[in-house]
Amino acid sequence: MSVFTPLPESTLATWLRGYAVGRLVELKGIAAGVQNSNFFVTTTLGRYVLTLFEAIPRAELPYYLHLMAHLARHGLPVPAPIADRDNEYLGTLEGKPAVLVMRLPGQSVMAPGEQHCARVGAMLAGLHLAGQSYGRRQENPRGPAWRAATATEVRGFLPAEEQALLDTELAFQAQVDSAALPAGAIHADLFRDNVLWDGDHIGGVIDFYFAGHDSLLFDVAVTVNDWCATADGKLDAARCAALLTAYQAERPFTAAERLAWPAMLRAAALRFWLSRAADHHLPREGEMVLVKNPDEYRDILRHRIAAHPALPEV
C-alpha cells in the first residue's frame, strides 16, 4: 500500500455521502506496499480502508472485489468490500477506480515463529478450498507472460552476473509444465505484512490485488519464501515444516505437487525479484511510496536453485 494520488478530506467527505457509513472523522495515508493509493478512513460509524487503483484496469477489478466478498462469506478473515447506496462495490474518486473495504483488527508480525507459520498454513489452505467455488476466473497478472515482459524491461539495468542468472532461470521455468497441478483462485502476495494478527489469531488477510487463477502450489511457494526465510534468504526448516504440515492437514499435496515443489519455490522467487527490480529501476512517482530492495529476492532465488527442498510427508 502506498499513496500515489493525494486525496483532500473535503473530496472524500463528499464521496462518502454515497455510502451508508456515516460522516468522515479522519483520513490517513498508508505508506506501505507498492501498487495502489491506500488510506485509513474513520467515520462516525466505523473504520475502513480506501483504495484508489493506480494501474489495474477497471475491467479487472470486479474479480478481486467479488473474490474478497466470496471469501468473507465463507468465514475467512478477509476485508469485505462495502457497497454504495446503488449496491456497487466499485466507485470513482479523483478520476481513479476506488473501493472501500472493512478495516480488520490486528498488526503484522515481521518476525514470525512456528506457531504463526502453522496458522498461516492452515488459513491459506482454507482460502484455497473456499476459492474452488468462486465462479469468476482471471489469470494470475504476474504469471509467465508478465515475467517474460518484465525481464526484458529490467535486464539492461542488471550487472552481467545477474543477467545470466535471470536468463538461466527464465529458460528453466519455460520448461516447467504446471498443467497437472491443482489450480484455483490464489492470493499470490501472502507476505508477512499482508496478515494482521489479533493476539494469537489471524485478524485479517489483506491486499488481494495480485490475486488470480494459478497453481495453488505457487501460492504456497510465495508464502513459504517470505514466512520461512532466514535473514540470508535460506529456508528455516522448523518454520517450513510448521506451515506446510498445517496446510496439508487441510488440503493434502498431490504427487505432482511434490515433484514440482522446488521449481515452484524458484518461480515464486523469480516473480518477486522481477517486480522489485522493476519498482527499483522504473519507479512511479507518488506522495508516499515504498520501494523494496530487489537484492533480497535475487538471493532467495539463488538459494532455491542451490537447494532441493521437499514437501513434508503426511
C-alpha atoms as a PDB file:
ATOM      1  CA  MET A   1       0.000   0.000   0.000  1.00  0.00           C
ATOM      2  CA  SER A   2       1.224   3.490  -0.878  1.00  0.00           C
ATOM      3  CA  VAL A   3      -0.126   6.907  -1.776  1.00  0.00           C
ATOM      4  CA  PHE A   4       0.389   7.957  -5.382  1.00  0.00           C
ATOM      5  CA  THR A   5      -2.699  10.202  -5.545  1.00  0.00           C
ATOM      6  CA  PRO A   6      -3.204  12.729  -2.711  1.00  0.00           C
ATOM      7  CA  LEU A   7      -6.812  12.954  -1.535  1.00  0.00           C
ATOM      8  CA  PRO A   8      -8.335  16.074   0.087  1.00  0.00           C
ATOM      9  CA  GLU A   9     -10.600  15.380   3.060  1.00  0.00           C
ATOM     10  CA  SER A  10     -13.342  17.536   1.564  1.00  0.00           C
ATOM     11  CA  THR A  11     -13.381  15.407  -1.598  1.00  0.00           C
ATOM     12  CA  LEU A  12     -13.654  12.183   0.373  1.00  0.00           C
ATOM     13  CA  ALA A  13     -16.349  13.612   2.662  1.00  0.00           C
ATOM     14  CA  THR A  14     -18.491  14.370  -0.368  1.00  0.00           C
ATOM     15  CA  TRP A  15     -17.833  10.948  -1.922  1.00  0.00           C
ATOM     16  CA  LEU A  16     -18.827   9.140   1.276  1.00  0.00           C
ATOM     17  CA  ARG A  17     -22.340  10.586   1.016  1.00  0.00           C
ATOM     18  CA  GLY A  18     -22.965   7.823  -1.489  1.00  0.00           C
ATOM     19  CA  TYR A  19     -22.420   5.233   1.266  1.00  0.00           C
ATOM     20  CA  ALA A  20     -24.251   4.393   4.480  1.00  0.00           C
ATOM     21  CA  VAL A  21     -21.096   4.563   6.594  1.00  0.00           C
ATOM     22  CA  GLY A  22     -21.597   7.874   8.403  1.00  0.00           C
ATOM     23  CA  ARG A  23     -19.594  11.093   8.167  1.00  0.00           C
ATOM     24  CA  LEU A  24     -15.828  11.382   7.763  1.00  0.00           C
ATOM     25  CA  VAL A  25     -13.880  11.760  11.004  1.00  0.00           C
ATOM     26  CA  GLU A  26     -10.276  11.060   9.913  1.00  0.00           C
ATOM     27  CA  LEU A  27      -8.327  10.345   6.711  1.00  0.00           C
ATOM     28  CA  LYS A  28      -4.765   8.990   6.878  1.00  0.00           C
ATOM     29  CA  GLY A  29      -2.487   7.811   4.075  1.00  0.00           C
ATOM     30  CA  ILE A  30      -0.808   4.403   4.300  1.00  0.00           C
ATOM     31  CA  ALA A  31       2.883   4.363   3.385  1.00  0.00           C
ATOM     32  CA  ALA A  32       3.329   0.621   2.851  1.00  0.00           C
ATOM     33  CA  GLY A  33       3.029  -1.545  -0.257  1.00  0.00           C
ATOM     34  CA  VAL A  34       3.866  -0.706  -3.838  1.00  0.00           C
ATOM     35  CA  GLN A  35       0.878  -0.661  -6.201  1.00  0.00           C
ATOM     36  CA  ASN A  36      -2.134   1.475  -5.240  1.00  0.00           C
ATOM     37  CA  SER A  37      -3.019   4.554  -3.171  1.00  0.00           C
ATOM     38  CA  ASN A  38      -4.379   3.471   0.204  1.00  0.00           C
ATOM     39  CA  PHE A  39      -5.884   5.330   3.148  1.00  0.00           C
ATOM     40  CA  PHE A  40      -7.283   4.575   6.569  1.00  0.00           C
ATOM     41  CA  VAL A  41     -10.749   6.101   6.800  1.00  0.00           C
ATOM     42  CA  THR A  42     -12.572   6.600  10.097  1.00  0.00           C
ATOM     43  CA  THR A  43     -16.203   7.677  10.056  1.00  0.00           C
ATOM     44  CA  THR A  44     -18.852   8.144  12.695  1.00  0.00           C
ATOM     45  CA  LEU A  45     -19.940   4.539  12.101  1.00  0.00           C
ATOM     46  CA  GLY A  46     -16.737   2.570  11.665  1.00  0.00           C
ATOM     47  CA  ARG A  47     -13.186   2.115  10.390  1.00  0.00           C
ATOM     48  CA  TYR A  48     -12.397   1.314   6.771  1.00  0.00           C
ATOM     49  CA  VAL A  49      -9.598   1.138   4.194  1.00  0.00           C
ATOM     50  CA  LEU A  50      -9.960   3.114   0.978  1.00  0.00           C
ATOM     51  CA  THR A  51      -8.028   2.062  -2.139  1.00  0.00           C
ATOM     52  CA  LEU A  52      -7.545   4.114  -5.295  1.00  0.00           C
ATOM     53  CA  PHE A  53      -6.330   1.861  -8.094  1.00  0.00           C
ATOM     54  CA  GLU A  54      -3.426   3.393  -9.980  1.00  0.00           C
ATOM     55  CA  ALA A  55      -2.591   0.806 -12.630  1.00  0.00           C
ATOM     56  CA  ILE A  56      -5.051  -2.106 -12.611  1.00  0.00           C
ATOM     57  CA  PRO A  57      -7.570  -1.795 -15.476  1.00  0.00           C
ATOM     58  CA  ARG A  58     -11.075  -1.094 -14.210  1.00  0.00           C
ATOM     59  CA  ALA A  59     -12.451  -4.124 -16.059  1.00  0.00           C
ATOM     60  CA  GLU A  60     -10.230  -6.445 -13.983  1.00  0.00           C
ATOM     61  CA  LEU A  61     -11.233  -5.082 -10.582  1.00  0.00           C
ATOM     62  CA  PRO A  62     -14.563  -6.916 -10.108  1.00  0.00           C
ATOM     63  CA  TYR A  63     -12.612 -10.196  -9.974  1.00  0.00           C
ATOM     64  CA  TYR A  64     -10.717  -9.048  -6.875  1.00  0.00           C
ATOM     65  CA  LEU A  65     -13.644  -7.404  -5.125  1.00  0.00           C
ATOM     66  CA  HIS A  66     -16.042 -10.304  -5.606  1.00  0.00           C
ATOM     67  CA  LEU A  67     -13.305 -12.757  -4.578  1.00  0.00           C
ATOM     68  CA  MET A  68     -12.894 -10.875  -1.310  1.00  0.00           C
ATOM     69  CA  ALA A  69     -16.659 -10.879  -0.768  1.00  0.00           C
ATOM     70  CA  HIS A  70     -16.792 -14.606  -1.597  1.00  0.00           C
ATOM     71  CA  LEU A  71     -14.047 -15.500   0.881  1.00  0.00           C
ATOM     72  CA  ALA A  72     -15.554 -13.296   3.593  1.00  0.00           C
ATOM     73  CA  ARG A  73     -18.880 -15.116   3.159  1.00  0.00           C
ATOM     74  CA  HIS A  74     -17.016 -18.372   3.751  1.00  0.00           C
ATOM     75  CA  GLY A  75     -15.814 -17.122   7.123  1.00  0.00           C
ATOM     76  CA  LEU A  76     -12.246 -16.203   6.206  1.00  0.00           C
ATOM     77  CA  PRO A  77     -10.757 -13.057   7.797  1.00  0.00           C
ATOM     78  CA  VAL A  78     -10.801 -11.064   4.557  1.00  0.00           C
ATOM     79  CA  PRO A  79     -11.744  -7.353   4.199  1.00  0.00           C
ATOM     80  CA  ALA A  80     -15.246  -7.407   2.758  1.00  0.00           C
ATOM     81  CA  PRO A  81     -15.878  -4.630   0.207  1.00  0.00           C
ATOM     82  CA  ILE A  82     -18.545  -2.063   1.085  1.00  0.00           C
ATOM     83  CA  ALA A  83     -21.365  -1.470  -1.393  1.00  0.00           C
ATOM     84  CA  ASP A  84     -22.557   2.078  -2.035  1.00  0.00           C
ATOM     85  CA  ARG A  85     -26.196   3.167  -1.981  1.00  0.00           C
ATOM     86  CA  ASP A  86     -26.566   1.822  -5.541  1.00  0.00           C
ATOM     87  CA  ASN A  87     -25.264  -1.576  -4.355  1.00  0.00           C
ATOM     88  CA  GLU A  88     -21.986  -1.249  -6.268  1.00  0.00           C
ATOM     89  CA  TYR A  89     -18.596  -2.122  -4.822  1.00  0.00           C
ATOM     90  CA  LEU A  90     -16.525  -0.149  -7.319  1.00  0.00           C
ATOM     91  CA  GLY A  91     -16.697   3.635  -7.435  1.00  0.00           C
ATOM     92  CA  THR A  92     -14.643   6.521  -8.837  1.00  0.00           C
ATOM     93  CA  LEU A  93     -12.630   9.046  -6.824  1.00  0.00           C
ATOM     94  CA  GLU A  94     -10.160  11.632  -8.140  1.00  0.00           C
ATOM     95  CA  GLY A  95     -10.616  10.052 -11.562  1.00  0.00           C
ATOM     96  CA  LYS A  96      -9.453   6.637 -10.299  1.00  0.00           C
ATOM     97  CA  PRO A  97     -11.405   3.437  -9.618  1.00  0.00           C
ATOM     98  CA  ALA A  98     -11.968   3.268  -5.864  1.00  0.00           C
ATOM     99  CA  VAL A  99     -13.219   0.799  -3.274  1.00  0.00           C
ATOM    100  CA  LEU A 100     -13.983   0.997   0.426  1.00  0.00           C
ATOM    101  CA  VAL A 101     -13.440  -2.164   2.497  1.00  0.00           C
ATOM    102  CA  MET A 102     -13.785  -3.092   6.145  1.00  0.00           C
ATOM    103  CA  ARG A 103     -10.676  -2.425   8.227  1.00  0.00           C
ATOM    104  CA  LEU A 104      -9.749  -5.601  10.058  1.00  0.00           C
ATOM    105  CA  PRO A 105      -8.158  -5.818  13.512  1.00  0.00           C
ATOM    106  CA  GLY A 106      -4.550  -6.593  14.293  1.00  0.00           C
ATOM    107  CA  GLN A 107      -0.999  -5.816  13.281  1.00  0.00           C
ATOM    108  CA  SER A 108       1.609  -7.576  11.172  1.00  0.00           C
ATOM    109  CA  VAL A 109       4.227  -9.768  12.847  1.00  0.00           C
ATOM    110  CA  MET A 110       7.508  -9.392  10.991  1.00  0.00           C
ATOM    111  CA  ALA A 111       9.466 -11.996  12.994  1.00  0.00           C
ATOM    112  CA  PRO A 112       7.088 -14.989  12.927  1.00  0.00           C
ATOM    113  CA  GLY A 113       7.592 -18.188  14.859  1.00  0.00           C
ATOM    114  CA  GLU A 114       6.486 -21.729  14.140  1.00  0.00           C
ATOM    115  CA  GLN A 115       3.004 -21.157  15.588  1.00  0.00           C
ATOM    116  CA  HIS A 116       2.459 -18.139  13.332  1.00  0.00           C
ATOM    117  CA  CYS A 117       3.544 -20.169  10.334  1.00  0.00           C
ATOM    118  CA  ALA A 118       1.243 -23.050  11.248  1.00  0.00           C
ATOM    119  CA  ARG A 119      -1.764 -20.737  11.467  1.00  0.00           C
ATOM    120  CA  VAL A 120      -0.873 -19.114   8.155  1.00  0.00           C
ATOM    121  CA  GLY A 121      -0.547 -22.522   6.502  1.00  0.00           C
ATOM    122  CA  ALA A 122      -3.962 -23.632   7.727  1.00  0.00           C
ATOM    123  CA  MET A 123      -5.537 -20.324   6.718  1.00  0.00           C
ATOM    124  CA  LEU A 124      -4.014 -20.484   3.222  1.00  0.00           C
ATOM    125  CA  ALA A 125      -5.399 -23.990   2.731  1.00  0.00           C
ATOM    126  CA  GLY A 126      -8.824 -22.734   3.807  1.00  0.00           C
ATOM    127  CA  LEU A 127      -8.567 -19.874   1.327  1.00  0.00           C
ATOM    128  CA  HIS A 128      -7.703 -22.299  -1.474  1.00  0.00           C
ATOM    129  CA  LEU A 129     -10.554 -24.630  -0.597  1.00  0.00           C
ATOM    130  CA  ALA A 130     -13.102 -21.807  -0.399  1.00  0.00           C
ATOM    131  CA  GLY A 131     -11.784 -20.405  -3.672  1.00  0.00           C
ATOM    132  CA  GLN A 132     -12.695 -23.603  -5.516  1.00  0.00           C
ATOM    133  CA  SER A 133     -16.334 -22.495  -5.587  1.00  0.00           C
ATOM    134  CA  TYR A 134     -15.564 -18.965  -6.802  1.00  0.00           C
ATOM    135  CA  GLY A 135     -17.249 -18.583 -10.185  1.00  0.00           C
ATOM    136  CA  ARG A 136     -15.088 -15.886 -11.784  1.00  0.00           C
ATOM    137  CA  ARG A 137     -11.740 -16.610 -13.402  1.00  0.00           C
ATOM    138  CA  GLN A 138      -8.874 -14.247 -14.165  1.00  0.00           C
ATOM    139  CA  GLU A 139      -5.316 -15.394 -14.847  1.00  0.00           C
ATOM    140  CA  ASN A 140      -2.512 -14.534 -12.449  1.00  0.00           C
ATOM    141  CA  PRO A 141      -1.484 -10.988 -13.505  1.00  0.00           C
ATOM    142  CA  ARG A 142       2.122 -11.782 -12.569  1.00  0.00           C
ATOM    143  CA  GLY A 143       2.255 -15.070 -14.434  1.00  0.00           C
ATOM    144  CA  PRO A 144       4.733 -16.278 -17.088  1.00  0.00           C
ATOM    145  CA  ALA A 145       3.836 -13.671 -19.731  1.00  0.00           C
ATOM    146  CA  TRP A 146       4.331 -10.818 -17.268  1.00  0.00           C
ATOM    147  CA  ARG A 147       7.607 -12.302 -16.045  1.00  0.00           C
ATOM    148  CA  ALA A 148       8.979 -12.519 -19.577  1.00  0.00           C
ATOM    149  CA  ALA A 149       7.940  -8.945 -20.411  1.00  0.00           C
ATOM    150  CA  THR A 150       9.282  -7.524 -17.148  1.00  0.00           C
ATOM    151  CA  ALA A 151      12.569  -9.383 -17.548  1.00  0.00           C
ATOM    152  CA  THR A 152      13.026  -7.631 -20.890  1.00  0.00           C
ATOM    153  CA  GLU A 153      12.361  -4.248 -19.270  1.00  0.00           C
ATOM    154  CA  VAL A 154      14.784  -4.632 -16.362  1.00  0.00           C
ATOM    155  CA  ARG A 155      17.527  -6.798 -17.877  1.00  0.00           C
ATOM    156  CA  GLY A 156      19.570  -3.833 -19.101  1.00  0.00           C
ATOM    157  CA  PHE A 157      19.782  -2.393 -15.595  1.00  0.00           C
ATOM    158  CA  LEU A 158      21.351  -5.554 -14.168  1.00  0.00           C
ATOM    159  CA  PRO A 159      25.065  -6.421 -13.996  1.00  0.00           C
ATOM    160  CA  ALA A 160      26.259  -9.267 -16.212  1.00  0.00           C
ATOM    161  CA  GLU A 161      26.151 -11.881 -13.430  1.00  0.00           C
ATOM    162  CA  GLU A 162      22.506 -11.087 -12.636  1.00  0.00           C
ATOM    163  CA  GLN A 163      21.594 -11.050 -16.339  1.00  0.00           C
ATOM    164  CA  ALA A 164      22.988 -14.563 -16.600  1.00  0.00           C
ATOM    165  CA  LEU A 165      21.009 -15.665 -13.536  1.00  0.00           C
ATOM    166  CA  LEU A 166      17.844 -14.157 -14.985  1.00  0.00           C
ATOM    167  CA  ASP A 167      18.299 -15.737 -18.397  1.00  0.00           C
ATOM    168  CA  THR A 168      19.051 -19.151 -16.932  1.00  0.00           C
ATOM    169  CA  GLU A 169      16.016 -19.092 -14.640  1.00  0.00           C
ATOM    170  CA  LEU A 170      13.649 -17.907 -17.370  1.00  0.00           C
ATOM    171  CA  ALA A 171      14.846 -20.778 -19.558  1.00  0.00           C
ATOM    172  CA  PHE A 172      14.362 -23.245 -16.696  1.00  0.00           C
ATOM    173  CA  GLN A 173      10.852 -22.012 -15.899  1.00  0.00           C
ATOM    174  CA  ALA A 174       9.868 -22.188 -19.566  1.00  0.00           C
ATOM    175  CA  GLN A 175      10.362 -25.967 -19.339  1.00  0.00           C
ATOM    176  CA  VAL A 176       8.156 -26.381 -16.246  1.00  0.00           C
ATOM    177  CA  ASP A 177       4.735 -27.850 -17.029  1.00  0.00           C
ATOM    178  CA  SER A 178       2.145 -26.871 -14.413  1.00  0.00           C
ATOM    179  CA  ALA A 179      -0.843 -28.407 -16.175  1.00  0.00           C
ATOM    180  CA  ALA A 180      -1.094 -31.335 -13.749  1.00  0.00           C
ATOM    181  CA  LEU A 181      -1.079 -29.145 -10.640  1.00  0.00           C
ATOM    182  CA  PRO A 182      -4.314 -28.278  -8.783  1.00  0.00           C
ATOM    183  CA  ALA A 183      -5.295 -24.705  -9.599  1.00  0.00           C
ATOM    184  CA  GLY A 184      -7.784 -22.094  -8.476  1.00  0.00           C
ATOM    185  CA  ALA A 185      -8.029 -18.625  -7.006  1.00  0.00           C
ATOM    186  CA  ILE A 186      -4.814 -17.673  -5.196  1.00  0.00           C
ATOM    187  CA  HIS A 187      -3.788 -14.667  -3.103  1.00  0.00           C
ATOM    188  CA  ALA A 188      -0.335 -14.554  -4.770  1.00  0.00           C
ATOM    189  CA  ASP A 189       1.116 -11.988  -2.326  1.00  0.00           C
ATOM    190  CA  LEU A 190       0.674 -13.506   1.142  1.00  0.00           C
ATOM    191  CA  PHE A 191       3.657 -11.806   2.750  1.00  0.00           C
ATOM    192  CA  ARG A 192       4.003 -11.111   6.476  1.00  0.00           C
ATOM    193  CA  ASP A 193       2.808  -7.522   6.040  1.00  0.00           C
ATOM    194  CA  ASN A 194      -0.423  -8.761   4.440  1.00  0.00           C
ATOM    195  CA  VAL A 195      -1.508 -10.749   7.500  1.00  0.00           C
ATOM    196  CA  LEU A 196      -2.819  -8.983  10.603  1.00  0.00           C
ATOM    197  CA  TRP A 197      -2.562 -10.693  13.991  1.00  0.00           C
ATOM    198  CA  ASP A 198      -5.151 -10.130  16.699  1.00  0.00           C
ATOM    199  CA  GLY A 199      -3.368 -11.724  19.647  1.00  0.00           C
ATOM    200  CA  ASP A 200      -2.525 -15.303  18.714  1.00  0.00           C
ATOM    201  CA  HIS A 201      -5.130 -15.429  15.950  1.00  0.00           C
ATOM    202  CA  ILE A 202      -5.236 -14.087  12.405  1.00  0.00           C
ATOM    203  CA  GLY A 203      -7.407 -10.971  12.428  1.00  0.00           C
ATOM    204  CA  GLY A 204      -7.099 -10.230   8.743  1.00  0.00           C
ATOM    205  CA  VAL A 205      -5.643 -11.239   5.382  1.00  0.00           C
ATOM    206  CA  ILE A 206      -5.354  -8.154   3.189  1.00  0.00           C
ATOM    207  CA  ASP A 207      -4.226  -6.877  -0.239  1.00  0.00           C
ATOM    208  CA  PHE A 208      -5.806  -9.242  -2.761  1.00  0.00           C
ATOM    209  CA  TYR A 209      -4.943  -7.100  -5.763  1.00  0.00           C
ATOM    210  CA  PHE A 210      -2.378  -9.549  -7.167  1.00  0.00           C
ATOM    211  CA  ALA A 211      -4.827 -12.459  -6.902  1.00  0.00           C
ATOM    212  CA  GLY A 212      -5.650 -14.639  -9.885  1.00  0.00           C
ATOM    213  CA  HIS A 213      -6.157 -18.151 -11.176  1.00  0.00           C
ATOM    214  CA  ASP A 214      -2.962 -20.173 -10.948  1.00  0.00           C
ATOM    215  CA  SER A 215      -1.416 -23.259  -9.388  1.00  0.00           C
ATOM    216  CA  LEU A 216      -2.256 -23.467  -5.698  1.00  0.00           C
ATOM    217  CA  LEU A 217       1.299 -24.647  -5.116  1.00  0.00           C
ATOM    218  CA  PHE A 218       2.658 -21.364  -6.490  1.00  0.00           C
ATOM    219  CA  ASP A 219       0.719 -19.545  -3.754  1.00  0.00           C
ATOM    220  CA  VAL A 220       2.187 -21.870  -1.131  1.00  0.00           C
ATOM    221  CA  ALA A 221       5.672 -21.184  -2.504  1.00  0.00           C
ATOM    222  CA  VAL A 222       5.178 -17.401  -2.377  1.00  0.00           C
ATOM    223  CA  THR A 223       4.106 -17.729   1.249  1.00  0.00           C
ATOM    224  CA  VAL A 224       6.915 -20.042   2.305  1.00  0.00           C
ATOM    225  CA  ASN A 225       9.572 -17.878   0.636  1.00  0.00           C
ATOM    226  CA  ASP A 226       8.571 -14.964   2.860  1.00  0.00           C
ATOM    227  CA  TRP A 227       7.341 -16.518   6.114  1.00  0.00           C
ATOM    228  CA  CYS A 228      10.019 -19.183   6.387  1.00  0.00           C
ATOM    229  CA  ALA A 229      13.114 -17.379   5.098  1.00  0.00           C
ATOM    230  CA  THR A 230      16.124 -16.672   7.286  1.00  0.00           C
ATOM    231  CA  ALA A 231      17.938 -13.346   7.184  1.00  0.00           C
ATOM    232  CA  ASP A 232      20.245 -14.592   4.421  1.00  0.00           C
ATOM    233  CA  GLY A 233      17.398 -15.992   2.303  1.00  0.00           C
ATOM    234  CA  LYS A 234      17.672 -19.678   3.165  1.00  0.00           C
ATOM    235  CA  LEU A 235      14.695 -21.650   4.441  1.00  0.00           C
ATOM    236  CA  ASP A 236      14.174 -22.240   8.161  1.00  0.00           C
ATOM    237  CA  ALA A 237      13.358 -25.941   8.418  1.00  0.00           C
ATOM    238  CA  ALA A 238      11.173 -25.698  11.528  1.00  0.00           C
ATOM    239  CA  ARG A 239       9.005 -22.871  10.214  1.00  0.00           C
ATOM    240  CA  CYS A 240       8.680 -24.604   6.825  1.00  0.00           C
ATOM    241  CA  ALA A 241       7.561 -27.817   8.470  1.00  0.00           C
ATOM    242  CA  ALA A 242       5.015 -25.965  10.619  1.00  0.00           C
ATOM    243  CA  LEU A 243       3.470 -24.086   7.698  1.00  0.00           C
ATOM    244  CA  LEU A 244       3.420 -26.962   5.229  1.00  0.00           C
ATOM    245  CA  THR A 245       2.214 -29.579   7.713  1.00  0.00           C
ATOM    246  CA  ALA A 246      -0.679 -27.337   8.772  1.00  0.00           C
ATOM    247  CA  TYR A 247      -1.534 -26.646   5.136  1.00  0.00           C
ATOM    248  CA  GLN A 248      -1.569 -30.281   4.054  1.00  0.00           C
ATOM    249  CA  ALA A 249      -3.701 -31.250   7.054  1.00  0.00           C
ATOM    250  CA  GLU A 250      -6.480 -29.258   5.348  1.00  0.00           C
ATOM    251  CA  ARG A 251      -5.553 -29.872   1.681  1.00  0.00           C
ATOM    252  CA  PRO A 252      -3.121 -32.754   1.091  1.00  0.00           C
ATOM    253  CA  PHE A 253      -0.483 -32.207  -1.568  1.00  0.00           C
ATOM    254  CA  THR A 254      -0.688 -34.318  -4.718  1.00  0.00           C
ATOM    255  CA  ALA A 255       2.141 -36.406  -6.142  1.00  0.00           C
ATOM    256  CA  ALA A 256       2.546 -33.885  -8.974  1.00  0.00           C
ATOM    257  CA  GLU A 257       2.860 -31.056  -6.459  1.00  0.00           C
ATOM    258  CA  ARG A 258       5.591 -32.925  -4.585  1.00  0.00           C
ATOM    259  CA  LEU A 259       7.621 -33.213  -7.780  1.00  0.00           C
ATOM    260  CA  ALA A 260       7.044 -29.561  -8.713  1.00  0.00           C
ATOM    261  CA  TRP A 261       7.842 -28.027  -5.305  1.00  0.00           C
ATOM    262  CA  PRO A 262      11.473 -26.998  -5.936  1.00  0.00           C
ATOM    263  CA  ALA A 263      10.531 -25.378  -9.270  1.00  0.00           C
ATOM    264  CA  MET A 264       7.602 -23.520  -7.685  1.00  0.00           C
ATOM    265  CA  LEU A 265       9.824 -22.067  -4.981  1.00  0.00           C
ATOM    266  CA  ARG A 266      12.111 -20.794  -7.740  1.00  0.00           C
ATOM    267  CA  ALA A 267       9.200 -19.389  -9.766  1.00  0.00           C
ATOM    268  CA  ALA A 268       7.912 -17.521  -6.722  1.00  0.00           C
ATOM    269  CA  ALA A 269      11.351 -16.089  -6.017  1.00  0.00           C
ATOM    270  CA  LEU A 270      11.767 -15.027  -9.649  1.00  0.00           C
ATOM    271  CA  ARG A 271       8.399 -13.266  -9.661  1.00  0.00           C
ATOM    272  CA  PHE A 272       9.293 -11.037  -6.709  1.00  0.00           C
ATOM    273  CA  TRP A 273      12.860 -10.399  -7.832  1.00  0.00           C
ATOM    274  CA  LEU A 274      11.437  -9.104 -11.111  1.00  0.00           C
ATOM    275  CA  SER A 275       8.698  -6.965  -9.573  1.00  0.00           C
ATOM    276  CA  ARG A 276      11.076  -5.393  -7.073  1.00  0.00           C
ATOM    277  CA  ALA A 277      13.671  -4.788  -9.783  1.00  0.00           C
ATOM    278  CA  ALA A 278      11.028  -3.049 -11.895  1.00  0.00           C
ATOM    279  CA  ASP A 279       9.910  -0.887  -8.954  1.00  0.00           C
ATOM    280  CA  HIS A 280      13.550  -0.031  -8.208  1.00  0.00           C
ATOM    281  CA  HIS A 281      14.758   0.737 -11.726  1.00  0.00           C
ATOM    282  CA  LEU A 282      11.491   2.031 -13.214  1.00  0.00           C
ATOM    283  CA  PRO A 283       9.835   3.828 -10.271  1.00  0.00           C
ATOM    284  CA  ARG A 284       6.482   5.587 -10.362  1.00  0.00           C
ATOM    285  CA  GLU A 285       6.069   8.981  -8.758  1.00  0.00           C
ATOM    286  CA  GLY A 286       3.944   9.216  -5.636  1.00  0.00           C
ATOM    287  CA  GLU A 287       3.429  11.099  -2.410  1.00  0.00           C
ATOM    288  CA  MET A 288       4.216   8.137  -0.109  1.00  0.00           C
ATOM    289  CA  VAL A 289       5.784   5.215  -1.967  1.00  0.00           C
ATOM    290  CA  LEU A 290       7.546   2.119  -0.625  1.00  0.00           C
ATOM    291  CA  VAL A 291      10.150   0.513  -2.919  1.00  0.00           C
ATOM    292  CA  LYS A 292      11.591  -2.771  -1.642  1.00  0.00           C
ATOM    293  CA  ASN A 293      15.143  -3.958  -2.250  1.00  0.00           C
ATOM    294  CA  PRO A 294      15.235  -6.442  -5.160  1.00  0.00           C
ATOM    295  CA  ASP A 295      18.502  -7.990  -3.925  1.00  0.00           C
ATOM    296  CA  GLU A 296      16.624  -9.906  -1.217  1.00  0.00           C
ATOM    297  CA  TYR A 297      14.723 -11.976  -3.772  1.00  0.00           C
ATOM    298  CA  ARG A 298      17.723 -12.304  -6.075  1.00  0.00           C
ATOM    299  CA  ASP A 299      19.474 -14.019  -3.169  1.00  0.00           C
ATOM    300  CA  ILE A 300      16.412 -16.109  -2.320  1.00  0.00           C
ATOM    301  CA  LEU A 301      16.313 -17.313  -5.916  1.00  0.00           C
ATOM    302  CA  ARG A 302      19.975 -18.323  -5.729  1.00  0.00           C
ATOM    303  CA  HIS A 303      19.342 -20.301  -2.545  1.00  0.00           C
ATOM    304  CA  ARG A 304      16.304 -22.065  -4.028  1.00  0.00           C
ATOM    305  CA  ILE A 305      18.341 -23.062  -7.074  1.00  0.00           C
ATOM    306  CA  ALA A 306      21.121 -24.462  -4.878  1.00  0.00           C
ATOM    307  CA  ALA A 307      18.787 -26.370  -2.542  1.00  0.00           C
ATOM    308  CA  HIS A 308      16.340 -29.176  -3.279  1.00  0.00           C
ATOM    309  CA  PRO A 309      13.643 -28.853  -0.602  1.00  0.00           C
ATOM    310  CA  ALA A 310      10.866 -31.412  -0.317  1.00  0.00           C
ATOM    311  CA  LEU A 311       7.307 -31.176   0.965  1.00  0.00           C
ATOM    312  CA  PRO A 312       6.721 -32.958   4.300  1.00  0.00           C
ATOM    313  CA  GLU A 313       5.202 -36.421   4.221  1.00  0.00           C
ATOM    314  CA  VAL A 314       1.674 -36.905   5.532  1.00  0.00           C
END
